[in-house]
Amino acid sequence: MKKSLLGAMLLLSIGHCLYAQETDSLELDDEMDTELVYEEERPVKIIVPLDLGKFNYGYFRLSFLRPLGAFNNPMAGAAFPQAAAFSYQGQIPNGVLTLGIESGRVRHINALSLGTPMLKLGINSGFALQAFGPGSVAGSNYDAETIGTYALRLGVGPQLTFKPIKEVRVGLYYRAGIGLAYTSYYQSSYYGPNQEYSHEIDIQSINYAYNGDLGIDASWGILSVGITYSHMSTQLTKGQVFNINEVAEGYNSYNHYDEMGEMERTPINPRLKYNRFAISVGIAF
């Protein structure tokens, strides 16, 4: 009897131990399943790159020009010793023909990072044809006129472009290059009891010189707008493509009558300035 009771108790103890182990195993499996489900349901952050469109572009625009300072005025600042003999010292006003065309391209350096994808450094290259004049002014003892000043400029330089959204670009640039300008200027100042004598100057010249452009480019879609300040200056005899005085007497010199009524001609070398401001409108592509 005692042996039967001890055997029953032993079997009960073994069954209890086996049940406890199985329960612990099931609880562990449940914890692992819970952790796995938690890992699978964790939200994943996906970074979508900002679509800013293309940075590189070209443009073609019509320019509305305004001459600045002593533009095409050889009298400014007593540019040659005989300038004081002339009655009119101001700038000859230009006519309605103060227009130009300009075109260029901007390419950017994609490998250079400026801290944000909205900002890139590029190279701006372009050319422009510009026309100023003709114009004239007259007084009681003088006549002054110009048949116009016409300029071609080529340049290249750095541009910093900001592109906040796909359709918009804004660029700040400086272009260094060369300008070619045709200059015409004529003035007669009369003197004497009956104004029978005159001081005369007649400039006809084509010169090349350094030309710099500081500007802002902005575009929205295909609409392109530009604002540019250009500076260029040279001496009359410097950078001349050819000297017209060698084939036509009386040009690029100070001409006046002496006391005997004889015409005297003195070569002159004034400084010519071509600083100008332009607002241009056109297309970007």
C-alpha atoms as a PDB file:
ATOM      1  CA  MET A   1       0.000   0.000   0.000  1.00  0.00           C
ATOM      2  CA  LYS A   2       2.760   2.336   0.949  1.00  0.00           C
ATOM      3  CA  LYS A   3       4.645   1.478  -2.243  1.00  0.00           C
ATOM      4  CA  SER A   4       1.561   2.238  -4.342  1.00  0.00           C
ATOM      5  CA  LEU A   5       1.106   5.575  -2.641  1.00  0.00           C
ATOM      6  CA  LEU A   6       4.756   6.523  -3.116  1.00  0.00           C
ATOM      7  CA  GLY A   7       4.595   5.547  -6.792  1.00  0.00           C
ATOM      8  CA  ALA A   8       1.503   7.660  -7.335  1.00  0.00           C
ATOM      9  CA  MET A   9       3.133  10.664  -5.670  1.00  0.00           C
ATOM     10  CA  LEU A  10       6.285  10.229  -7.813  1.00  0.00           C
ATOM     11  CA  LEU A  11       4.245  10.113 -11.019  1.00  0.00           C
ATOM     12  CA  LEU A  12       2.328  13.238  -9.956  1.00  0.00           C
ATOM     13  CA  SER A  13       5.589  15.146  -9.282  1.00  0.00           C
ATOM     14  CA  ILE A  14       7.050  14.163 -12.657  1.00  0.00           C
ATOM     15  CA  GLY A  15       3.836  15.239 -14.457  1.00  0.00           C
ATOM     16  CA  HIS A  16       3.841  18.586 -12.642  1.00  0.00           C
ATOM     17  CA  CYS A  17       7.453  19.298 -13.668  1.00  0.00           C
ATOM     18  CA  LEU A  18       6.736  18.434 -17.300  1.00  0.00           C
ATOM     19  CA  TYR A  19       3.689  20.723 -17.321  1.00  0.00           C
ATOM     20  CA  ALA A  20       5.684  23.614 -15.849  1.00  0.00           C
ATOM     21  CA  GLN A  21       8.417  23.278 -18.501  1.00  0.00           C
ATOM     22  CA  GLU A  22       5.854  23.206 -21.314  1.00  0.00           C
ATOM     23  CA  THR A  23       4.104  26.294 -19.924  1.00  0.00           C
ATOM     24  CA  ASP A  24       7.388  28.228 -19.685  1.00  0.00           C
ATOM     25  CA  SER A  25       8.227  27.256 -23.250  1.00  0.00           C
ATOM     26  CA  LEU A  26       4.854  28.500 -24.518  1.00  0.00           C
ATOM     27  CA  GLU A  27       5.216  31.811 -22.668  1.00  0.00           C
ATOM     28  CA  LEU A  28       8.680  32.313 -24.187  1.00  0.00           C
ATOM     29  CA  ASP A  29       7.320  31.593 -27.672  1.00  0.00           C
ATOM     30  CA  ASP A  30       4.540  34.115 -27.107  1.00  0.00           C
ATOM     31  CA  GLU A  31       7.068  36.798 -26.113  1.00  0.00           C
ATOM     32  CA  MET A  32       9.205  36.129 -29.170  1.00  0.00           C
ATOM     33  CA  ASP A  33       6.141  36.259 -31.420  1.00  0.00           C
ATOM     34  CA  THR A  34       5.112  39.555 -29.855  1.00  0.00           C
ATOM     35  CA  GLU A  35       8.564  41.059 -30.381  1.00  0.00           C
ATOM     36  CA  LEU A  36       8.669  39.903 -33.972  1.00  0.00           C
ATOM     37  CA  VAL A  37       5.274  41.400 -34.706  1.00  0.00           C
ATOM     38  CA  TYR A  38       6.368  44.643 -33.065  1.00  0.00           C
ATOM     39  CA  GLU A  39       9.483  44.779 -35.241  1.00  0.00           C
ATOM     40  CA  GLU A  40       7.479  44.152 -38.408  1.00  0.00           C
ATOM     41  CA  GLU A  41       4.939  46.900 -37.597  1.00  0.00           C
ATOM     42  CA  ARG A  42       7.521  49.630 -36.803  1.00  0.00           C
ATOM     43  CA  PRO A  43       7.005  52.601 -39.263  1.00  0.00           C
ATOM     44  CA  VAL A  44       9.804  53.166 -41.820  1.00  0.00           C
ATOM     45  CA  LYS A  45      10.848  56.757 -42.717  1.00  0.00           C
ATOM     46  CA  ILE A  46      11.289  57.156 -46.489  1.00  0.00           C
ATOM     47  CA  ILE A  47      13.241  60.239 -47.748  1.00  0.00           C
ATOM     48  CA  VAL A  48      11.985  61.458 -51.134  1.00  0.00           C
ATOM     49  CA  PRO A  49      14.501  63.715 -52.992  1.00  0.00           C
ATOM     50  CA  LEU A  50      13.271  67.269 -53.790  1.00  0.00           C
ATOM     51  CA  ASP A  51      12.465  67.663 -57.492  1.00  0.00           C
ATOM     52  CA  LEU A  52      13.862  71.082 -58.468  1.00  0.00           C
ATOM     53  CA  GLY A  53      14.022  70.455 -62.212  1.00  0.00           C
ATOM     54  CA  LYS A  54      17.062  71.398 -64.294  1.00  0.00           C
ATOM     55  CA  PHE A  55      19.457  74.157 -63.256  1.00  0.00           C
ATOM     56  CA  ASN A  56      21.148  74.613 -66.652  1.00  0.00           C
ATOM     57  CA  TYR A  57      19.377  76.963 -69.056  1.00  0.00           C
ATOM     58  CA  GLY A  58      19.760  79.339 -71.975  1.00  0.00           C
ATOM     59  CA  TYR A  59      18.035  82.635 -72.729  1.00  0.00           C
ATOM     60  CA  PHE A  60      17.242  85.069 -75.543  1.00  0.00           C
ATOM     61  CA  ARG A  61      16.017  88.556 -74.621  1.00  0.00           C
ATOM     62  CA  LEU A  62      15.229  92.041 -75.894  1.00  0.00           C
ATOM     63  CA  SER A  63      16.994  94.802 -73.933  1.00  0.00           C
ATOM     64  CA  PHE A  64      15.851  98.316 -73.075  1.00  0.00           C
ATOM     65  CA  LEU A  65      18.966 100.428 -72.507  1.00  0.00           C
ATOM     66  CA  ARG A  66      19.868 103.561 -70.589  1.00  0.00           C
ATOM     67  CA  PRO A  67      23.288 105.265 -70.933  1.00  0.00           C
ATOM     68  CA  LEU A  68      24.909 106.321 -67.664  1.00  0.00           C
ATOM     69  CA  GLY A  69      27.265 109.098 -66.649  1.00  0.00           C
ATOM     70  CA  ALA A  70      29.551 110.445 -69.364  1.00  0.00           C
ATOM     71  CA  PHE A  71      28.414 107.902 -71.941  1.00  0.00           C
ATOM     72  CA  ASN A  72      29.876 108.855 -75.350  1.00  0.00           C
ATOM     73  CA  ASN A  73      30.880 112.319 -74.097  1.00  0.00           C
ATOM     74  CA  PRO A  74      34.510 113.173 -74.958  1.00  0.00           C
ATOM     75  CA  MET A  75      34.105 116.558 -73.212  1.00  0.00           C
ATOM     76  CA  ALA A  76      33.583 115.079 -69.755  1.00  0.00           C
ATOM     77  CA  GLY A  77      36.236 115.936 -67.195  1.00  0.00           C
ATOM     78  CA  ALA A  78      38.343 118.090 -69.578  1.00  0.00           C
ATOM     79  CA  ALA A  79      39.319 114.900 -71.382  1.00  0.00           C
ATOM     80  CA  PHE A  80      41.681 116.780 -73.735  1.00  0.00           C
ATOM     81  CA  PRO A  81      43.295 120.225 -73.362  1.00  0.00           C
ATOM     82  CA  GLN A  82      41.098 121.998 -75.931  1.00  0.00           C
ATOM     83  CA  ALA A  83      37.796 120.700 -74.506  1.00  0.00           C
ATOM     84  CA  ALA A  84      37.192 123.957 -72.603  1.00  0.00           C
ATOM     85  CA  ALA A  85      36.889 125.824 -75.932  1.00  0.00           C
ATOM     86  CA  PHE A  86      33.577 124.101 -76.698  1.00  0.00           C
ATOM     87  CA  SER A  87      30.339 125.660 -75.521  1.00  0.00           C
ATOM     88  CA  TYR A  88      28.420 122.435 -74.917  1.00  0.00           C
ATOM     89  CA  GLN A  89      29.913 120.150 -72.291  1.00  0.00           C
ATOM     90  CA  GLY A  90      26.978 117.818 -71.622  1.00  0.00           C
ATOM     91  CA  GLN A  91      25.983 114.459 -72.992  1.00  0.00           C
ATOM     92  CA  ILE A  92      24.135 114.354 -76.293  1.00  0.00           C
ATOM     93  CA  PRO A  93      20.698 112.867 -75.604  1.00  0.00           C
ATOM     94  CA  ASN A  94      20.102 109.636 -77.465  1.00  0.00           C
ATOM     95  CA  GLY A  95      17.030 109.074 -79.598  1.00  0.00           C
ATOM     96  CA  VAL A  96      14.388 106.405 -79.171  1.00  0.00           C
ATOM     97  CA  LEU A  97      16.683 103.770 -80.642  1.00  0.00           C
ATOM     98  CA  THR A  98      18.164 102.511 -77.368  1.00  0.00           C
ATOM     99  CA  LEU A  99      17.535  98.806 -77.774  1.00  0.00           C
ATOM    100  CA  GLY A 100      19.538  95.607 -77.886  1.00  0.00           C
ATOM    101  CA  ILE A 101      19.382  91.849 -78.044  1.00  0.00           C
ATOM    102  CA  GLU A 102      21.242  89.432 -75.792  1.00  0.00           C
ATOM    103  CA  SER A 103      21.633  85.697 -75.550  1.00  0.00           C
ATOM    104  CA  GLY A 104      23.603  83.253 -73.431  1.00  0.00           C
ATOM    105  CA  ARG A 105      23.808  80.010 -71.495  1.00  0.00           C
ATOM    106  CA  VAL A 106      24.371  79.041 -67.864  1.00  0.00           C
ATOM    107  CA  ARG A 107      25.846  75.654 -66.923  1.00  0.00           C
ATOM    108  CA  HIS A 108      26.262  74.504 -63.327  1.00  0.00           C
ATOM    109  CA  ILE A 109      28.854  72.430 -61.454  1.00  0.00           C
ATOM    110  CA  ASN A 110      26.822  69.562 -60.002  1.00  0.00           C
ATOM    111  CA  ALA A 111      29.748  68.019 -58.123  1.00  0.00           C
ATOM    112  CA  LEU A 112      30.174  71.143 -55.968  1.00  0.00           C
ATOM    113  CA  SER A 113      27.913  71.191 -52.900  1.00  0.00           C
ATOM    114  CA  LEU A 114      26.921  74.521 -51.328  1.00  0.00           C
ATOM    115  CA  GLY A 115      25.060  73.026 -48.384  1.00  0.00           C
ATOM    116  CA  THR A 116      21.609  72.876 -49.985  1.00  0.00           C
ATOM    117  CA  PRO A 117      20.323  71.402 -53.260  1.00  0.00           C
ATOM    118  CA  MET A 118      18.595  74.723 -53.972  1.00  0.00           C
ATOM    119  CA  LEU A 119      21.925  76.549 -54.470  1.00  0.00           C
ATOM    120  CA  LYS A 120      24.509  75.878 -57.196  1.00  0.00           C
ATOM    121  CA  LEU A 121      27.533  77.582 -58.717  1.00  0.00           C
ATOM    122  CA  GLY A 122      27.618  77.878 -62.488  1.00  0.00           C
ATOM    123  CA  ILE A 123      29.288  79.536 -65.472  1.00  0.00           C
ATOM    124  CA  ASN A 124      27.424  82.301 -67.318  1.00  0.00           C
ATOM    125  CA  SER A 125      28.467  83.038 -70.902  1.00  0.00           C
ATOM    126  CA  GLY A 126      26.759  85.343 -73.362  1.00  0.00           C
ATOM    127  CA  PHE A 127      26.836  88.122 -75.932  1.00  0.00           C
ATOM    128  CA  ALA A 128      24.825  91.254 -76.670  1.00  0.00           C
ATOM    129  CA  LEU A 129      24.305  93.764 -79.477  1.00  0.00           C
ATOM    130  CA  GLN A 130      23.322  97.241 -78.265  1.00  0.00           C
ATOM    131  CA  ALA A 131      22.352 100.453 -80.069  1.00  0.00           C
ATOM    132  CA  PHE A 132      22.243 104.015 -78.668  1.00  0.00           C
ATOM    133  CA  GLY A 133      21.183 106.959 -80.756  1.00  0.00           C
ATOM    134  CA  PRO A 134      21.134 108.940 -82.916  1.00  0.00           C
ATOM    135  CA  GLY A 135      20.625 112.289 -81.188  1.00  0.00           C
ATOM    136  CA  SER A 136      21.374 116.000 -81.406  1.00  0.00           C
ATOM    137  CA  VAL A 137      21.328 119.202 -79.373  1.00  0.00           C
ATOM    138  CA  ALA A 138      21.748 122.847 -80.452  1.00  0.00           C
ATOM    139  CA  GLY A 139      22.183 126.261 -78.850  1.00  0.00           C
ATOM    140  CA  SER A 140      22.813 129.850 -79.868  1.00  0.00           C
ATOM    141  CA  ASN A 141      26.494 129.215 -80.502  1.00  0.00           C
ATOM    142  CA  TYR A 142      26.870 125.467 -80.903  1.00  0.00           C
ATOM    143  CA  ASP A 143      25.589 122.365 -82.645  1.00  0.00           C
ATOM    144  CA  ALA A 144      26.289 118.856 -81.385  1.00  0.00           C
ATOM    145  CA  GLU A 145      25.117 115.535 -82.724  1.00  0.00           C
ATOM    146  CA  THR A 146      25.789 111.816 -82.859  1.00  0.00           C
ATOM    147  CA  ILE A 147      24.659 109.240 -85.381  1.00  0.00           C
ATOM    148  CA  GLY A 148      24.734 106.738 -82.559  1.00  0.00           C
ATOM    149  CA  THR A 149      26.920 104.472 -80.496  1.00  0.00           C
ATOM    150  CA  TYR A 150      26.757 100.762 -81.225  1.00  0.00           C
ATOM    151  CA  ALA A 151      28.329  98.062 -79.082  1.00  0.00           C
ATOM    152  CA  LEU A 152      28.990  94.327 -79.197  1.00  0.00           C
ATOM    153  CA  ARG A 153      30.046  92.563 -76.022  1.00  0.00           C
ATOM    154  CA  LEU A 154      31.147  88.995 -75.259  1.00  0.00           C
ATOM    155  CA  GLY A 155      31.739  87.695 -71.749  1.00  0.00           C
ATOM    156  CA  VAL A 156      31.962  84.768 -69.350  1.00  0.00           C
ATOM    157  CA  GLY A 157      31.963  84.541 -65.569  1.00  0.00           C
ATOM    158  CA  PRO A 158      30.628  82.899 -62.397  1.00  0.00           C
ATOM    159  CA  GLN A 159      26.949  82.758 -61.451  1.00  0.00           C
ATOM    160  CA  LEU A 160      25.324  81.748 -58.175  1.00  0.00           C
ATOM    161  CA  THR A 161      21.864  80.296 -58.859  1.00  0.00           C
ATOM    162  CA  PHE A 162      19.069  79.855 -56.312  1.00  0.00           C
ATOM    163  CA  LYS A 163      16.231  77.503 -57.286  1.00  0.00           C
ATOM    164  CA  PRO A 164      13.553  77.275 -54.564  1.00  0.00           C
ATOM    165  CA  ILE A 165      10.993  75.450 -56.721  1.00  0.00           C
ATOM    166  CA  LYS A 166      10.960  73.609 -60.031  1.00  0.00           C
ATOM    167  CA  GLU A 167       9.688  76.525 -62.154  1.00  0.00           C
ATOM    168  CA  VAL A 168      11.869  79.335 -60.707  1.00  0.00           C
ATOM    169  CA  ARG A 169      15.537  80.320 -61.023  1.00  0.00           C
ATOM    170  CA  VAL A 170      17.284  83.422 -59.668  1.00  0.00           C
ATOM    171  CA  GLY A 171      20.950  84.024 -60.517  1.00  0.00           C
ATOM    172  CA  LEU A 172      23.536  86.629 -59.522  1.00  0.00           C
ATOM    173  CA  TYR A 173      26.529  86.851 -61.890  1.00  0.00           C
ATOM    174  CA  TYR A 174      29.546  88.828 -63.052  1.00  0.00           C
ATOM    175  CA  ARG A 175      30.811  88.425 -66.606  1.00  0.00           C
ATOM    176  CA  ALA A 176      34.258  89.551 -67.722  1.00  0.00           C
ATOM    177  CA  GLY A 177      34.900  89.960 -71.405  1.00  0.00           C
ATOM    178  CA  ILE A 178      35.576  92.218 -74.330  1.00  0.00           C
ATOM    179  CA  GLY A 179      33.492  94.982 -75.853  1.00  0.00           C
ATOM    180  CA  LEU A 180      33.635  96.473 -79.324  1.00  0.00           C
ATOM    181  CA  ALA A 181      32.117  99.946 -79.715  1.00  0.00           C
ATOM    182  CA  TYR A 182      31.522 102.265 -82.650  1.00  0.00           C
ATOM    183  CA  THR A 183      31.521 105.912 -81.532  1.00  0.00           C
ATOM    184  CA  SER A 184      30.354 109.019 -83.355  1.00  0.00           C
ATOM    185  CA  TYR A 185      30.421 112.541 -81.914  1.00  0.00           C
ATOM    186  CA  TYR A 186      30.389 115.932 -83.632  1.00  0.00           C
ATOM    187  CA  GLN A 187      30.332 119.466 -82.232  1.00  0.00           C
ATOM    188  CA  SER A 188      30.843 122.951 -83.633  1.00  0.00           C
ATOM    189  CA  SER A 189      31.140 125.909 -81.271  1.00  0.00           C
ATOM    190  CA  TYR A 190      31.036 129.300 -83.010  1.00  0.00           C
ATOM    191  CA  TYR A 191      32.942 132.431 -82.019  1.00  0.00           C
ATOM    192  CA  GLY A 192      33.987 135.792 -83.457  1.00  0.00           C
ATOM    193  CA  PRO A 193      32.043 139.049 -83.937  1.00  0.00           C
ATOM    194  CA  ASN A 194      29.598 137.331 -86.253  1.00  0.00           C
ATOM    195  CA  GLN A 195      30.332 133.791 -85.135  1.00  0.00           C
ATOM    196  CA  GLU A 196      32.202 133.290 -88.364  1.00  0.00           C
ATOM    197  CA  TYR A 197      34.800 131.043 -86.751  1.00  0.00           C
ATOM    198  CA  SER A 198      34.354 127.732 -85.015  1.00  0.00           C
ATOM    199  CA  HIS A 199      35.944 125.108 -82.837  1.00  0.00           C
ATOM    200  CA  GLU A 200      35.158 121.677 -84.225  1.00  0.00           C
ATOM    201  CA  ILE A 201      35.531 118.106 -83.165  1.00  0.00           C
ATOM    202  CA  ASP A 202      34.419 115.070 -85.175  1.00  0.00           C
ATOM    203  CA  ILE A 203      35.033 111.624 -83.709  1.00  0.00           C
ATOM    204  CA  GLN A 204      34.458 108.463 -85.733  1.00  0.00           C
ATOM    205  CA  SER A 205      36.069 105.447 -84.146  1.00  0.00           C
ATOM    206  CA  ILE A 206      35.788 101.708 -83.517  1.00  0.00           C
ATOM    207  CA  ASN A 207      37.531 100.554 -80.333  1.00  0.00           C
ATOM    208  CA  TYR A 208      37.745  97.360 -78.330  1.00  0.00           C
ATOM    209  CA  ALA A 209      38.242  97.307 -74.554  1.00  0.00           C
ATOM    210  CA  TYR A 210      37.513  95.374 -71.378  1.00  0.00           C
ATOM    211  CA  ASN A 211      33.786  95.077 -70.650  1.00  0.00           C
ATOM    212  CA  GLY A 212      32.302  93.885 -67.361  1.00  0.00           C
ATOM    213  CA  ASP A 213      28.662  92.979 -66.613  1.00  0.00           C
ATOM    214  CA  LEU A 214      27.121  92.729 -63.143  1.00  0.00           C
ATOM    215  CA  GLY A 215      23.594  91.362 -63.293  1.00  0.00           C
ATOM    216  CA  ILE A 216      20.628  89.431 -61.978  1.00  0.00           C
ATOM    217  CA  ASP A 217      18.839  86.727 -63.987  1.00  0.00           C
ATOM    218  CA  ALA A 218      15.362  85.524 -63.066  1.00  0.00           C
ATOM    219  CA  SER A 219      13.104  83.050 -64.825  1.00  0.00           C
ATOM    220  CA  TRP A 220       9.660  81.566 -64.229  1.00  0.00           C
ATOM    221  CA  GLY A 221       8.926  78.768 -66.649  1.00  0.00           C
ATOM    222  CA  ILE A 222       9.866  80.084 -70.091  1.00  0.00           C
ATOM    223  CA  LEU A 223       9.725  83.767 -69.048  1.00  0.00           C
ATOM    224  CA  SER A 224      13.199  85.279 -68.563  1.00  0.00           C
ATOM    225  CA  VAL A 225      14.023  88.719 -67.114  1.00  0.00           C
ATOM    226  CA  GLY A 226      17.457  90.297 -66.636  1.00  0.00           C
ATOM    227  CA  ILE A 227      18.884  93.443 -65.038  1.00  0.00           C
ATOM    228  CA  THR A 228      22.455  94.344 -65.991  1.00  0.00           C
ATOM    229  CA  TYR A 229      24.957  97.103 -65.249  1.00  0.00           C
ATOM    230  CA  SER A 230      27.812  97.189 -67.790  1.00  0.00           C
ATOM    231  CA  HIS A 231      31.032  99.187 -67.586  1.00  0.00           C
ATOM    232  CA  MET A 232      33.533  99.867 -70.349  1.00  0.00           C
ATOM    233  CA  SER A 233      35.973 102.691 -71.090  1.00  0.00           C
ATOM    234  CA  THR A 234      38.962 103.340 -73.327  1.00  0.00           C
ATOM    235  CA  GLN A 235      41.138 106.077 -74.806  1.00  0.00           C
ATOM    236  CA  LEU A 236      40.304 107.177 -78.345  1.00  0.00           C
ATOM    237  CA  THR A 237      43.657 105.981 -79.695  1.00  0.00           C
ATOM    238  CA  LYS A 238      43.751 102.792 -77.596  1.00  0.00           C
ATOM    239  CA  GLY A 239      42.340  99.584 -78.992  1.00  0.00           C
ATOM    240  CA  GLN A 240      41.410 101.200 -82.305  1.00  0.00           C
ATOM    241  CA  VAL A 241      40.392  98.710 -84.961  1.00  0.00           C
ATOM    242  CA  PHE A 242      41.497 101.295 -87.509  1.00  0.00           C
ATOM    243  CA  ASN A 243      42.296 105.018 -87.485  1.00  0.00           C
ATOM    244  CA  ILE A 244      39.847 106.823 -89.749  1.00  0.00           C
ATOM    245  CA  ASN A 245      42.017 109.942 -89.612  1.00  0.00           C
ATOM    246  CA  GLU A 246      44.498 108.169 -91.865  1.00  0.00           C
ATOM    247  CA  VAL A 247      41.963 107.974 -94.699  1.00  0.00           C
ATOM    248  CA  ALA A 248      39.743 111.012 -93.976  1.00  0.00           C
ATOM    249  CA  GLU A 249      41.267 114.303 -92.864  1.00  0.00           C
ATOM    250  CA  GLY A 250      39.709 116.164 -89.974  1.00  0.00           C
ATOM    251  CA  TYR A 251      38.404 113.214 -87.946  1.00  0.00           C
ATOM    252  CA  ASN A 252      39.521 112.487 -84.394  1.00  0.00           C
ATOM    253  CA  SER A 253      41.158 115.871 -84.050  1.00  0.00           C
ATOM    254  CA  TYR A 254      40.490 119.343 -82.702  1.00  0.00           C
ATOM    255  CA  ASN A 255      39.917 121.687 -85.659  1.00  0.00           C
ATOM    256  CA  HIS A 256      39.897 125.471 -85.405  1.00  0.00           C
ATOM    257  CA  TYR A 257      40.788 128.631 -87.324  1.00  0.00           C
ATOM    258  CA  ASP A 258      43.837 130.689 -86.369  1.00  0.00           C
ATOM    259  CA  GLU A 259      44.071 134.472 -86.444  1.00  0.00           C
ATOM    260  CA  MET A 260      44.895 134.365 -90.138  1.00  0.00           C
ATOM    261  CA  GLY A 261      41.783 132.339 -90.913  1.00  0.00           C
ATOM    262  CA  GLU A 262      43.697 129.146 -91.573  1.00  0.00           C
ATOM    263  CA  MET A 263      42.366 125.805 -90.325  1.00  0.00           C
ATOM    264  CA  GLU A 264      44.552 124.074 -87.773  1.00  0.00           C
ATOM    265  CA  ARG A 265      44.121 120.419 -86.782  1.00  0.00           C
ATOM    266  CA  THR A 266      45.402 118.991 -83.503  1.00  0.00           C
ATOM    267  CA  PRO A 267      45.146 115.256 -82.726  1.00  0.00           C
ATOM    268  CA  ILE A 268      43.195 114.504 -79.556  1.00  0.00           C
ATOM    269  CA  ASN A 269      42.945 111.481 -77.287  1.00  0.00           C
ATOM    270  CA  PRO A 270      39.903 111.797 -75.001  1.00  0.00           C
ATOM    271  CA  ARG A 271      38.651 109.030 -72.728  1.00  0.00           C
ATOM    272  CA  LEU A 272      35.454 107.424 -73.980  1.00  0.00           C
ATOM    273  CA  LYS A 273      33.067 105.765 -71.530  1.00  0.00           C
ATOM    274  CA  TYR A 274      30.266 103.341 -72.296  1.00  0.00           C
ATOM    275  CA  ASN A 275      28.680 102.594 -68.914  1.00  0.00           C
ATOM    276  CA  ARG A 276      25.045 101.555 -69.332  1.00  0.00           C
ATOM    277  CA  PHE A 277      22.067  99.946 -67.632  1.00  0.00           C
ATOM    278  CA  ALA A 278      19.778  97.388 -69.252  1.00  0.00           C
ATOM    279  CA  ILE A 279      16.466  95.726 -68.431  1.00  0.00           C
ATOM    280  CA  SER A 280      15.769  92.760 -70.678  1.00  0.00           C
ATOM    281  CA  VAL A 281      12.782  90.471 -71.230  1.00  0.00           C
ATOM    282  CA  GLY A 282      12.588  87.266 -73.242  1.00  0.00           C
ATOM    283  CA  ILE A 283      12.466  83.486 -73.077  1.00  0.00           C
ATOM    284  CA  ALA A 284      14.390  80.837 -71.148  1.00  0.00           C
ATOM    285  CA  PHE A 285      15.024  77.410 -72.621  1.00  0.00           C
END
